[in-house]
């Protein structure tokens, strides 16, 4: 287990539901990855790089709802600017995306 955080620390993390509306290959990435374009409703459209190529095809991802952290600073990855962090469970080299059981409005907060 990592160092304990306070509840106040946790509340600073802005987790939201978004829908993937575009998926592109990312050949410039050091590790195999996709470039995702995600609709977060009223929060707008954000881009993310995600190392999820071992379990998901581009077709699997299109229109899929995901959970992402939307309040991290932007991060340059190769020539791509990642604006959010898609959340998943890490099992070795595989990442299993977290998503709502039922469809919800894009931008819905996760708590």
PDB file of N, CA and C in Angstrom:
ATOM      1  N   UNK A   1       0.847  -1.189   0.000  1.00  0.00           N
ATOM      2  CA  UNK A   1       0.000   0.000   0.000  1.00  0.00           C
ATOM      3  C   UNK A   1       0.880   1.236   0.000  1.00  0.00           C
ATOM      4  N   UNK A   2       0.464   2.252  -0.739  1.00  0.00           N
ATOM      5  CA  UNK A   2       1.198   3.512  -0.771  1.00  0.00           C
ATOM      6  C   UNK A   2       0.900   4.332   0.476  1.00  0.00           C
ATOM      7  N   UNK A   3       1.584   5.463   0.608  1.00  0.00           N
ATOM      8  CA  UNK A   3       1.370   6.351   1.750  1.00  0.00           C
ATOM      9  C   UNK A   3      -0.100   6.760   1.844  1.00  0.00           C
ATOM     10  N   UNK A   4      -0.607   6.838   3.065  1.00  0.00           N
ATOM     11  CA  UNK A   4      -1.988   7.249   3.295  1.00  0.00           C
ATOM     12  C   UNK A   4      -2.169   8.717   2.930  1.00  0.00           C
ATOM     13  N   UNK A   5      -3.348   9.036   2.392  1.00  0.00           N
ATOM     14  CA  UNK A   5      -3.710  10.424   2.112  1.00  0.00           C
ATOM     15  C   UNK A   5      -4.947  10.750   2.933  1.00  0.00           C
ATOM     16  N   UNK A   6      -5.234  12.029   3.028  1.00  0.00           N
ATOM     17  CA  UNK A   6      -6.432  12.442   3.749  1.00  0.00           C
ATOM     18  C   UNK A   6      -7.618  12.467   2.792  1.00  0.00           C
ATOM     19  N   UNK A   7      -8.809  12.516   3.350  1.00  0.00           N
ATOM     20  CA  UNK A   7      -9.999  12.645   2.523  1.00  0.00           C
ATOM     21  C   UNK A   7      -9.937  13.937   1.724  1.00  0.00           C
ATOM     22  N   UNK A   8      -9.406  14.986   2.337  1.00  0.00           N
ATOM     23  CA  UNK A   8      -9.252  16.272   1.644  1.00  0.00           C
ATOM     24  C   UNK A   8      -8.353  16.121   0.409  1.00  0.00           C
ATOM     25  N   UNK A   9      -7.279  15.332   0.528  1.00  0.00           N
ATOM     26  CA  UNK A   9      -6.420  15.066  -0.632  1.00  0.00           C
ATOM     27  C   UNK A   9      -7.233  14.406  -1.745  1.00  0.00           C
ATOM     28  N   UNK A  10      -8.027  13.408  -1.391  1.00  0.00           N
ATOM     29  CA  UNK A  10      -8.816  12.679  -2.384  1.00  0.00           C
ATOM     30  C   UNK A  10      -9.812  13.601  -3.089  1.00  0.00           C
ATOM     31  N   UNK A  11     -10.426  14.512  -2.355  1.00  0.00           N
ATOM     32  CA  UNK A  11     -11.445  15.383  -2.955  1.00  0.00           C
ATOM     33  C   UNK A  11     -10.844  16.343  -3.984  1.00  0.00           C
ATOM     34  N   UNK A  12      -9.541  16.504  -3.997  1.00  0.00           N
ATOM     35  CA  UNK A  12      -8.891  17.363  -4.991  1.00  0.00           C
ATOM     36  C   UNK A  12      -8.810  16.695  -6.359  1.00  0.00           C
ATOM     37  N   UNK A  13      -8.945  15.375  -6.406  1.00  0.00           N
ATOM     38  CA  UNK A  13      -8.877  14.634  -7.669  1.00  0.00           C
ATOM     39  C   UNK A  13     -10.250  14.707  -8.328  1.00  0.00           C
ATOM     40  N   UNK A  14     -10.305  15.291  -9.528  1.00  0.00           N
ATOM     41  CA  UNK A  14     -11.565  15.453 -10.249  1.00  0.00           C
ATOM     42  C   UNK A  14     -11.728  14.316 -11.254  1.00  0.00           C
ATOM     43  N   UNK A  15     -12.458  13.278 -10.842  1.00  0.00           N
ATOM     44  CA  UNK A  15     -12.737  12.121 -11.696  1.00  0.00           C
ATOM     45  C   UNK A  15     -14.077  12.339 -12.381  1.00  0.00           C
ATOM     46  N   UNK A  16     -14.092  12.156 -13.712  1.00  0.00           N
ATOM     47  CA  UNK A  16     -15.323  12.372 -14.476  1.00  0.00           C
ATOM     48  C   UNK A  16     -15.542  11.259 -15.494  1.00  0.00           C
ATOM     49  N   UNK A  17     -16.795  11.127 -15.892  1.00  0.00           N
ATOM     50  CA  UNK A  17     -17.162  10.190 -16.950  1.00  0.00           C
ATOM     51  C   UNK A  17     -17.102  10.923 -18.287  1.00  0.00           C
ATOM     52  N   UNK A  18     -16.503  10.264 -19.264  1.00  0.00           N
ATOM     53  CA  UNK A  18     -16.466  10.800 -20.617  1.00  0.00           C
ATOM     54  C   UNK A  18     -16.679   9.691 -21.623  1.00  0.00           C
ATOM     55  N   UNK A  19     -17.001  10.075 -22.851  1.00  0.00           N
ATOM     56  CA  UNK A  19     -17.185   9.121 -23.936  1.00  0.00           C
ATOM     57  C   UNK A  19     -16.107   9.337 -24.984  1.00  0.00           C
ATOM     58  N   UNK A  20     -15.446   8.249 -25.363  1.00  0.00           N
ATOM     59  CA  UNK A  20     -14.400   8.318 -26.380  1.00  0.00           C
ATOM     60  C   UNK A  20     -15.072   8.540 -27.732  1.00  0.00           C
ATOM     61  N   UNK A  21     -14.689   9.634 -28.415  1.00  0.00           N
ATOM     62  CA  UNK A  21     -15.310   9.959 -29.698  1.00  0.00           C
ATOM     63  C   UNK A  21     -14.339   9.817 -30.871  1.00  0.00           C
ATOM     64  N   UNK A  22     -13.060   9.627 -30.562  1.00  0.00           N
ATOM     65  CA  UNK A  22     -12.073   9.420 -31.621  1.00  0.00           C
ATOM     66  C   UNK A  22     -10.900   8.631 -31.050  1.00  0.00           C
ATOM     67  N   UNK A  23     -10.365   7.702 -31.836  1.00  0.00           N
ATOM     68  CA  UNK A  23      -9.220   6.882 -31.434  1.00  0.00           C
ATOM     69  C   UNK A  23      -8.237   6.848 -32.598  1.00  0.00           C
ATOM     70  N   UNK A  24      -6.977   7.195 -32.315  1.00  0.00           N
ATOM     71  CA  UNK A  24      -5.949   7.180 -33.349  1.00  0.00           C
ATOM     72  C   UNK A  24      -4.729   6.412 -32.857  1.00  0.00           C
ATOM     73  N   UNK A  25      -4.019   5.796 -33.799  1.00  0.00           N
ATOM     74  CA  UNK A  25      -2.741   5.180 -33.464  1.00  0.00           C
ATOM     75  C   UNK A  25      -1.772   6.265 -33.018  1.00  0.00           C
ATOM     76  N   UNK A  26      -0.786   5.869 -32.212  1.00  0.00           N
ATOM     77  CA  UNK A  26       0.210   6.823 -31.694  1.00  0.00           C
ATOM     78  C   UNK A  26       1.603   6.207 -31.882  1.00  0.00           C
ATOM     79  N   UNK A  27       2.080   6.133 -33.131  1.00  0.00           N
ATOM     80  CA  UNK A  27       3.352   5.466 -33.407  1.00  0.00           C
ATOM     81  C   UNK A  27       4.565   6.148 -32.771  1.00  0.00           C
ATOM     82  N   UNK A  28       4.457   7.431 -32.430  1.00  0.00           N
ATOM     83  CA  UNK A  28       5.577   8.151 -31.814  1.00  0.00           C
ATOM     84  C   UNK A  28       5.743   7.850 -30.327  1.00  0.00           C
ATOM     85  N   UNK A  29       4.775   7.230 -29.705  1.00  0.00           N
ATOM     86  CA  UNK A  29       4.847   6.928 -28.270  1.00  0.00           C
ATOM     87  C   UNK A  29       5.935   5.884 -28.014  1.00  0.00           C
ATOM     88  N   UNK A  30       6.621   6.021 -26.877  1.00  0.00           N
ATOM     89  CA  UNK A  30       7.658   5.061 -26.490  1.00  0.00           C
ATOM     90  C   UNK A  30       7.106   3.647 -26.339  1.00  0.00           C
ATOM     91  N   UNK A  31       5.957   3.546 -25.686  1.00  0.00           N
ATOM     92  CA  UNK A  31       5.260   2.272 -25.511  1.00  0.00           C
ATOM     93  C   UNK A  31       3.981   2.316 -26.343  1.00  0.00           C
ATOM     94  N   UNK A  32       3.516   1.174 -26.841  1.00  0.00           N
ATOM     95  CA  UNK A  32       2.309   1.176 -27.666  1.00  0.00           C
ATOM     96  C   UNK A  32       1.151   1.889 -26.966  1.00  0.00           C
ATOM     97  N   UNK A  33       0.524   2.803 -27.702  1.00  0.00           N
ATOM     98  CA  UNK A  33      -0.546   3.617 -27.120  1.00  0.00           C
ATOM     99  C   UNK A  33      -1.489   4.099 -28.214  1.00  0.00           C
ATOM    100  N   UNK A  34      -2.639   4.568 -27.771  1.00  0.00           N
ATOM    101  CA  UNK A  34      -3.594   5.250 -28.638  1.00  0.00           C
ATOM    102  C   UNK A  34      -3.684   6.710 -28.210  1.00  0.00           C
ATOM    103  N   UNK A  35      -4.058   7.556 -29.155  1.00  0.00           N
ATOM    104  CA  UNK A  35      -4.460   8.922 -28.862  1.00  0.00           C
ATOM    105  C   UNK A  35      -5.988   8.913 -28.817  1.00  0.00           C
ATOM    106  N   UNK A  36      -6.536   9.345 -27.693  1.00  0.00           N
ATOM    107  CA  UNK A  36      -7.988   9.356 -27.508  1.00  0.00           C
ATOM    108  C   UNK A  36      -8.500  10.786 -27.486  1.00  0.00           C
ATOM    109  N   UNK A  37      -9.669  10.993 -28.061  1.00  0.00           N
ATOM    110  CA  UNK A  37     -10.400  12.253 -27.944  1.00  0.00           C
ATOM    111  C   UNK A  37     -11.674  11.905 -27.192  1.00  0.00           C
ATOM    112  N   UNK A  38     -11.896  12.608 -26.065  1.00  0.00           N
ATOM    113  CA  UNK A  38     -12.955  12.223 -25.136  1.00  0.00           C
ATOM    114  C   UNK A  38     -13.893  13.403 -24.885  1.00  0.00           C
ATOM    115  N   UNK A  39     -15.191  13.144 -24.966  1.00  0.00           N
ATOM    116  CA  UNK A  39     -16.220  14.155 -24.723  1.00  0.00           C
ATOM    117  C   UNK A  39     -16.623  14.103 -23.248  1.00  0.00           C
ATOM    118  N   UNK A  40     -16.385  15.213 -22.536  1.00  0.00           N
ATOM    119  CA  UNK A  40     -16.758  15.320 -21.124  1.00  0.00           C
ATOM    120  C   UNK A  40     -17.948  16.263 -20.922  1.00  0.00           C
ATOM    121  N   UNK A  41     -18.830  16.340 -21.894  1.00  0.00           N
ATOM    122  CA  UNK A  41     -20.032  17.158 -21.760  1.00  0.00           C
ATOM    123  C   UNK A  41     -19.701  18.620 -21.580  1.00  0.00           C
ATOM    124  N   UNK A  42     -20.235  19.232 -20.513  1.00  0.00           N
ATOM    125  CA  UNK A  42     -20.031  20.656 -20.245  1.00  0.00           C
ATOM    126  C   UNK A  42     -18.564  21.018 -20.027  1.00  0.00           C
ATOM    127  N   UNK A  43     -17.713  20.030 -19.684  1.00  0.00           N
ATOM    128  CA  UNK A  43     -16.280  20.295 -19.492  1.00  0.00           C
ATOM    129  C   UNK A  43     -15.541  20.373 -20.822  1.00  0.00           C
ATOM    130  N   UNK A  44     -16.196  19.948 -21.892  1.00  0.00           N
ATOM    131  CA  UNK A  44     -15.610  20.029 -23.218  1.00  0.00           C
ATOM    132  C   UNK A  44     -14.925  18.746 -23.659  1.00  0.00           C
ATOM    133  N   UNK A  45     -14.185  18.867 -24.730  1.00  0.00           N
ATOM    134  CA  UNK A  45     -13.467  17.755 -25.346  1.00  0.00           C
ATOM    135  C   UNK A  45     -12.019  17.793 -24.850  1.00  0.00           C
ATOM    136  N   UNK A  46     -11.500  16.643 -24.426  1.00  0.00           N
ATOM    137  CA  UNK A  46     -10.112  16.550 -23.977  1.00  0.00           C
ATOM    138  C   UNK A  46      -9.434  15.382 -24.675  1.00  0.00           C
ATOM    139  N   UNK A  47      -8.109  15.486 -24.798  1.00  0.00           N
ATOM    140  CA  UNK A  47      -7.306  14.443 -25.421  1.00  0.00           C
ATOM    141  C   UNK A  47      -6.489  13.711 -24.363  1.00  0.00           C
ATOM    142  N   UNK A  48      -6.214  12.441 -24.640  1.00  0.00           N
ATOM    143  CA  UNK A  48      -5.389  11.653 -23.731  1.00  0.00           C
ATOM    144  C   UNK A  48      -4.617  10.606 -24.522  1.00  0.00           C
ATOM    145  N   UNK A  49      -3.418  10.302 -24.053  1.00  0.00           N
ATOM    146  CA  UNK A  49      -2.661   9.170 -24.565  1.00  0.00           C
ATOM    147  C   UNK A  49      -2.877   8.032 -23.581  1.00  0.00           C
ATOM    148  N   UNK A  50      -3.155   6.840 -24.114  1.00  0.00           N
ATOM    149  CA  UNK A  50      -3.441   5.703 -23.230  1.00  0.00           C
ATOM    150  C   UNK A  50      -2.759   4.442 -23.749  1.00  0.00           C
ATOM    151  N   UNK A  51      -2.013   3.798 -22.856  1.00  0.00           N
ATOM    152  CA  UNK A  51      -1.318   2.553 -23.183  1.00  0.00           C
ATOM    153  C   UNK A  51      -2.272   1.379 -22.946  1.00  0.00           C
ATOM    154  N   UNK A  52      -3.231   1.248 -23.828  1.00  0.00           N
ATOM    155  CA  UNK A  52      -4.291   0.249 -23.661  1.00  0.00           C
ATOM    156  C   UNK A  52      -4.437  -0.624 -24.911  1.00  0.00           C
ATOM    157  N   UNK A  53      -3.365  -0.735 -25.678  1.00  0.00           N
ATOM    158  CA  UNK A  53      -3.438  -1.447 -26.959  1.00  0.00           C
ATOM    159  C   UNK A  53      -3.458  -2.963 -26.827  1.00  0.00           C
ATOM    160  N   UNK A  54      -3.060  -3.514 -25.685  1.00  0.00           N
ATOM    161  CA  UNK A  54      -3.006  -4.979 -25.559  1.00  0.00           C
ATOM    162  C   UNK A  54      -4.393  -5.602 -25.433  1.00  0.00           C
ATOM    163  N   UNK A  55      -5.340  -4.886 -24.860  1.00  0.00           N
ATOM    164  CA  UNK A  55      -6.680  -5.457 -24.645  1.00  0.00           C
ATOM    165  C   UNK A  55      -7.775  -4.824 -25.493  1.00  0.00           C
ATOM    166  N   UNK A  56      -7.507  -3.669 -26.101  1.00  0.00           N
ATOM    167  CA  UNK A  56      -8.561  -2.933 -26.798  1.00  0.00           C
ATOM    168  C   UNK A  56      -8.136  -2.572 -28.221  1.00  0.00           C
ATOM    169  N   UNK A  57      -9.051  -2.757 -29.152  1.00  0.00           N
ATOM    170  CA  UNK A  57      -8.853  -2.260 -30.506  1.00  0.00           C
ATOM    171  C   UNK A  57      -9.458  -0.857 -30.582  1.00  0.00           C
ATOM    172  N   UNK A  58      -9.145  -0.153 -31.646  1.00  0.00           N
ATOM    173  CA  UNK A  58      -9.734   1.177 -31.822  1.00  0.00           C
ATOM    174  C   UNK A  58     -11.252   1.074 -31.904  1.00  0.00           C
ATOM    175  N   UNK A  59     -11.741   0.030 -32.553  1.00  0.00           N
ATOM    176  CA  UNK A  59     -13.187  -0.161 -32.681  1.00  0.00           C
ATOM    177  C   UNK A  59     -13.845  -0.441 -31.324  1.00  0.00           C
ATOM    178  N   UNK A  60     -13.144  -1.175 -30.445  1.00  0.00           N
ATOM    179  CA  UNK A  60     -13.667  -1.452 -29.095  1.00  0.00           C
ATOM    180  C   UNK A  60     -13.853  -0.165 -28.296  1.00  0.00           C
ATOM    181  N   UNK A  61     -12.969   0.792 -28.530  1.00  0.00           N
ATOM    182  CA  UNK A  61     -12.926   2.001 -27.707  1.00  0.00           C
ATOM    183  C   UNK A  61     -13.908   3.075 -28.154  1.00  0.00           C
ATOM    184  N   UNK A  62     -14.185   3.138 -29.437  1.00  0.00           N
ATOM    185  CA  UNK A  62     -15.053   4.182 -29.963  1.00  0.00           C
ATOM    186  C   UNK A  62     -16.437   4.100 -29.334  1.00  0.00           C
ATOM    187  N   UNK A  63     -16.911   5.211 -28.801  1.00  0.00           N
ATOM    188  CA  UNK A  63     -18.218   5.364 -28.135  1.00  0.00           C
ATOM    189  C   UNK A  63     -18.260   4.739 -26.742  1.00  0.00           C
ATOM    190  N   UNK A  64     -17.137   4.292 -26.213  1.00  0.00           N
ATOM    191  CA  UNK A  64     -17.086   3.685 -24.881  1.00  0.00           C
ATOM    192  C   UNK A  64     -16.982   4.784 -23.816  1.00  0.00           C
ATOM    193  N   UNK A  65     -17.739   4.642 -22.730  1.00  0.00           N
ATOM    194  CA  UNK A  65     -17.603   5.569 -21.611  1.00  0.00           C
ATOM    195  C   UNK A  65     -16.459   5.103 -20.717  1.00  0.00           C
ATOM    196  N   UNK A  66     -15.706   6.081 -20.222  1.00  0.00           N
ATOM    197  CA  UNK A  66     -14.545   5.792 -19.381  1.00  0.00           C
ATOM    198  C   UNK A  66     -14.538   6.739 -18.184  1.00  0.00           C
ATOM    199  N   UNK A  67     -13.642   6.460 -17.236  1.00  0.00           N
ATOM    200  CA  UNK A  67     -13.391   7.339 -16.096  1.00  0.00           C
ATOM    201  C   UNK A  67     -12.032   7.977 -16.320  1.00  0.00           C
ATOM    202  N   UNK A  68     -11.931   9.289 -16.060  1.00  0.00           N
ATOM    203  CA  UNK A  68     -10.649   9.978 -16.236  1.00  0.00           C
ATOM    204  C   UNK A  68     -10.483  11.075 -15.193  1.00  0.00           C
ATOM    205  N   UNK A  69      -9.227  11.348 -14.863  1.00  0.00           N
ATOM    206  CA  UNK A  69      -8.885  12.503 -14.031  1.00  0.00           C
ATOM    207  C   UNK A  69      -8.767  13.685 -14.980  1.00  0.00           C
ATOM    208  N   UNK A  70      -9.538  14.732 -14.724  1.00  0.00           N
ATOM    209  CA  UNK A  70      -9.571  15.861 -15.652  1.00  0.00           C
ATOM    210  C   UNK A  70      -8.872  17.120 -15.134  1.00  0.00           C
ATOM    211  N   UNK A  71      -8.310  17.054 -13.916  1.00  0.00           N
ATOM    212  CA  UNK A  71      -7.691  18.272 -13.383  1.00  0.00           C
ATOM    213  C   UNK A  71      -6.185  18.149 -13.173  1.00  0.00           C
ATOM    214  N   UNK A  72      -5.533  17.221 -13.886  1.00  0.00           N
ATOM    215  CA  UNK A  72      -4.071  17.198 -13.917  1.00  0.00           C
ATOM    216  C   UNK A  72      -3.590  18.258 -14.903  1.00  0.00           C
ATOM    217  N   UNK A  73      -2.368  18.763 -14.722  1.00  0.00           N
ATOM    218  CA  UNK A  73      -1.829  19.659 -15.745  1.00  0.00           C
ATOM    219  C   UNK A  73      -1.625  18.891 -17.047  1.00  0.00           C
ATOM    220  N   UNK A  74      -1.664  19.601 -18.177  1.00  0.00           N
ATOM    221  CA  UNK A  74      -1.403  18.983 -19.471  1.00  0.00           C
ATOM    222  C   UNK A  74       0.003  18.404 -19.479  1.00  0.00           C
ATOM    223  N   UNK A  75       0.187  17.309 -20.254  1.00  0.00           N
ATOM    224  CA  UNK A  75       1.491  16.662 -20.315  1.00  0.00           C
ATOM    225  C   UNK A  75       1.847  16.378 -21.771  1.00  0.00           C
ATOM    226  N   UNK A  76       3.028  16.835 -22.161  1.00  0.00           N
ATOM    227  CA  UNK A  76       3.513  16.603 -23.520  1.00  0.00           C
ATOM    228  C   UNK A  76       4.042  15.174 -23.628  1.00  0.00           C
ATOM    229  N   UNK A  77       3.515  14.403 -24.583  1.00  0.00           N
ATOM    230  CA  UNK A  77       3.981  13.045 -24.845  1.00  0.00           C
ATOM    231  C   UNK A  77       4.301  13.005 -26.341  1.00  0.00           C
ATOM    232  N   UNK A  78       5.599  12.955 -26.656  1.00  0.00           N
ATOM    233  CA  UNK A  78       6.059  13.095 -28.040  1.00  0.00           C
ATOM    234  C   UNK A  78       5.509  14.430 -28.557  1.00  0.00           C
ATOM    235  N   UNK A  79       4.821  14.410 -29.689  1.00  0.00           N
ATOM    236  CA  UNK A  79       4.263  15.658 -30.235  1.00  0.00           C
ATOM    237  C   UNK A  79       2.788  15.826 -29.883  1.00  0.00           C
ATOM    238  N   UNK A  80       2.336  15.102 -28.868  1.00  0.00           N
ATOM    239  CA  UNK A  80       0.926  15.075 -28.485  1.00  0.00           C
ATOM    240  C   UNK A  80       0.765  15.656 -27.085  1.00  0.00           C
ATOM    241  N   UNK A  81      -0.260  16.500 -26.898  1.00  0.00           N
ATOM    242  CA  UNK A  81      -0.532  17.088 -25.592  1.00  0.00           C
ATOM    243  C   UNK A  81      -1.691  16.339 -24.932  1.00  0.00           C
ATOM    244  N   UNK A  82      -1.382  15.594 -23.857  1.00  0.00           N
ATOM    245  CA  UNK A  82      -2.392  14.856 -23.119  1.00  0.00           C
ATOM    246  C   UNK A  82      -3.022  15.791 -22.087  1.00  0.00           C
ATOM    247  N   UNK A  83      -4.359  15.826 -22.068  1.00  0.00           N
ATOM    248  CA  UNK A  83      -5.076  16.784 -21.218  1.00  0.00           C
ATOM    249  C   UNK A  83      -5.822  16.141 -20.051  1.00  0.00           C
ATOM    250  N   UNK A  84      -5.843  14.813 -19.992  1.00  0.00           N
ATOM    251  CA  UNK A  84      -6.507  14.109 -18.910  1.00  0.00           C
ATOM    252  C   UNK A  84      -5.875  12.732 -18.783  1.00  0.00           C
ATOM    253  N   UNK A  85      -6.185  12.031 -17.700  1.00  0.00           N
ATOM    254  CA  UNK A  85      -5.624  10.705 -17.455  1.00  0.00           C
ATOM    255  C   UNK A  85      -6.757   9.692 -17.362  1.00  0.00           C
ATOM    256  N   UNK A  86      -6.813   8.784 -18.335  1.00  0.00           N
ATOM    257  CA  UNK A  86      -7.815   7.727 -18.329  1.00  0.00           C
ATOM    258  C   UNK A  86      -7.433   6.724 -17.239  1.00  0.00           C
ATOM    259  N   UNK A  87      -8.425   6.271 -16.468  1.00  0.00           N
ATOM    260  CA  UNK A  87      -8.180   5.426 -15.301  1.00  0.00           C
ATOM    261  C   UNK A  87      -8.499   3.969 -15.615  1.00  0.00           C
ATOM    262  N   UNK A  88      -7.606   3.089 -15.146  1.00  0.00           N
ATOM    263  CA  UNK A  88      -7.831   1.665 -15.340  1.00  0.00           C
ATOM    264  C   UNK A  88      -7.118   0.862 -14.274  1.00  0.00           C
ATOM    265  N   UNK A  89      -7.494  -0.399 -14.175  1.00  0.00           N
ATOM    266  CA  UNK A  89      -6.827  -1.327 -13.266  1.00  0.00           C
ATOM    267  C   UNK A  89      -5.632  -1.923 -14.008  1.00  0.00           C
ATOM    268  N   UNK A  90      -4.467  -1.927 -13.366  1.00  0.00           N
ATOM    269  CA  UNK A  90      -3.244  -2.408 -13.999  1.00  0.00           C
ATOM    270  C   UNK A  90      -2.987  -3.848 -13.578  1.00  0.00           C
ATOM    271  N   UNK A  91      -2.902  -4.729 -14.578  1.00  0.00           N
ATOM    272  CA  UNK A  91      -2.652  -6.151 -14.357  1.00  0.00           C
ATOM    273  C   UNK A  91      -1.439  -6.533 -15.202  1.00  0.00           C
ATOM    274  N   UNK A  92      -0.254  -6.421 -14.607  1.00  0.00           N
ATOM    275  CA  UNK A  92       0.971  -6.633 -15.375  1.00  0.00           C
ATOM    276  C   UNK A  92       1.142  -5.515 -16.387  1.00  0.00           C
ATOM    277  N   UNK A  93       1.169  -5.860 -17.671  1.00  0.00           N
ATOM    278  CA  UNK A  93       1.273  -4.849 -18.726  1.00  0.00           C
ATOM    279  C   UNK A  93      -0.084  -4.464 -19.287  1.00  0.00           C
ATOM    280  N   UNK A  94      -1.135  -5.136 -18.839  1.00  0.00           N
ATOM    281  CA  UNK A  94      -2.483  -4.853 -19.314  1.00  0.00           C
ATOM    282  C   UNK A  94      -3.149  -3.805 -18.431  1.00  0.00           C
ATOM    283  N   UNK A  95      -3.934  -2.933 -19.074  1.00  0.00           N
ATOM    284  CA  UNK A  95      -4.743  -1.953 -18.358  1.00  0.00           C
ATOM    285  C   UNK A  95      -6.195  -2.226 -18.708  1.00  0.00           C
ATOM    286  N   UNK A  96      -7.007  -2.467 -17.680  1.00  0.00           N
ATOM    287  CA  UNK A  96      -8.430  -2.717 -17.857  1.00  0.00           C
ATOM    288  C   UNK A  96      -9.166  -1.439 -17.493  1.00  0.00           C
ATOM    289  N   UNK A  97      -9.817  -0.838 -18.467  1.00  0.00           N
ATOM    290  CA  UNK A  97     -10.471   0.450 -18.249  1.00  0.00           C
ATOM    291  C   UNK A  97     -11.603   0.350 -17.236  1.00  0.00           C
ATOM    292  N   UNK A  98     -11.746   1.396 -16.432  1.00  0.00           N
ATOM    293  CA  UNK A  98     -12.877   1.515 -15.510  1.00  0.00           C
ATOM    294  C   UNK A  98     -13.976   2.273 -16.239  1.00  0.00           C
ATOM    295  N   UNK A  99     -15.210   1.835 -16.058  1.00  0.00           N
ATOM    296  CA  UNK A  99     -16.320   2.513 -16.717  1.00  0.00           C
ATOM    297  C   UNK A  99     -17.600   2.298 -15.911  1.00  0.00           C
ATOM    298  N   UNK A 100     -18.575   3.195 -16.114  1.00  0.00           N
ATOM    299  CA  UNK A 100     -19.838   3.026 -15.388  1.00  0.00           C
ATOM    300  C   UNK A 100     -20.599   1.805 -15.898  1.00  0.00           C
ATOM    301  N   UNK A 101     -21.338   1.177 -15.017  1.00  0.00           N
ATOM    302  CA  UNK A 101     -22.131   0.000 -15.378  1.00  0.00           C
ATOM    303  C   UNK A 101     -23.255   0.367 -16.340  1.00  0.00           C
ATOM    304  N   UNK A 102     -23.838   1.549 -16.143  1.00  0.00           N
ATOM    305  CA  UNK A 102     -24.902   2.057 -17.013  1.00  0.00           C
ATOM    306  C   UNK A 102     -24.431   3.364 -17.630  1.00  0.00           C
ATOM    307  N   UNK A 103     -24.975   3.696 -18.775  1.00  0.00           N
ATOM    308  CA  UNK A 103     -24.627   4.946 -19.441  1.00  0.00           C
ATOM    309  C   UNK A 103     -25.067   6.142 -18.583  1.00  0.00           C
ATOM    310  N   UNK A 104     -24.165   7.115 -18.463  1.00  0.00           N
ATOM    311  CA  UNK A 104     -24.471   8.337 -17.703  1.00  0.00           C
ATOM    312  C   UNK A 104     -24.074   9.547 -18.547  1.00  0.00           C
ATOM    313  N   UNK A 105     -24.534  10.709 -18.131  1.00  0.00           N
ATOM    314  CA  UNK A 105     -24.228  11.940 -18.848  1.00  0.00           C
ATOM    315  C   UNK A 105     -22.724  12.199 -18.800  1.00  0.00           C
ATOM    316  N   UNK A 106     -22.158  12.564 -19.958  1.00  0.00           N
ATOM    317  CA  UNK A 106     -20.739  12.925 -20.001  1.00  0.00           C
ATOM    318  C   UNK A 106     -20.471  14.097 -19.059  1.00  0.00           C
ATOM    319  N   UNK A 107     -19.361  13.998 -18.330  1.00  0.00           N
ATOM    320  CA  UNK A 107     -18.986  15.023 -17.361  1.00  0.00           C
ATOM    321  C   UNK A 107     -19.463  14.709 -15.954  1.00  0.00           C
ATOM    322  N   UNK A 108     -20.232  13.630 -15.778  1.00  0.00           N
ATOM    323  CA  UNK A 108     -20.717  13.267 -14.445  1.00  0.00           C
ATOM    324  C   UNK A 108     -19.538  13.006 -13.523  1.00  0.00           C
ATOM    325  N   UNK A 109     -19.524  13.614 -12.329  1.00  0.00           N
ATOM    326  CA  UNK A 109     -18.423  13.377 -11.387  1.00  0.00           C
ATOM    327  C   UNK A 109     -18.470  11.957 -10.804  1.00  0.00           C
ATOM    328  N   UNK A 110     -17.298  11.436 -10.496  1.00  0.00           N
ATOM    329  CA  UNK A 110     -17.158  10.142  -9.832  1.00  0.00           C
ATOM    330  C   UNK A 110     -16.700  10.406  -8.412  1.00  0.00           C
ATOM    331  N   UNK A 111     -17.374   9.807  -7.448  1.00  0.00           N
ATOM    332  CA  UNK A 111     -16.967  10.021  -6.047  1.00  0.00           C
ATOM    333  C   UNK A 111     -16.993   8.729  -5.271  1.00  0.00           C
TER     334      UNK A 111
END
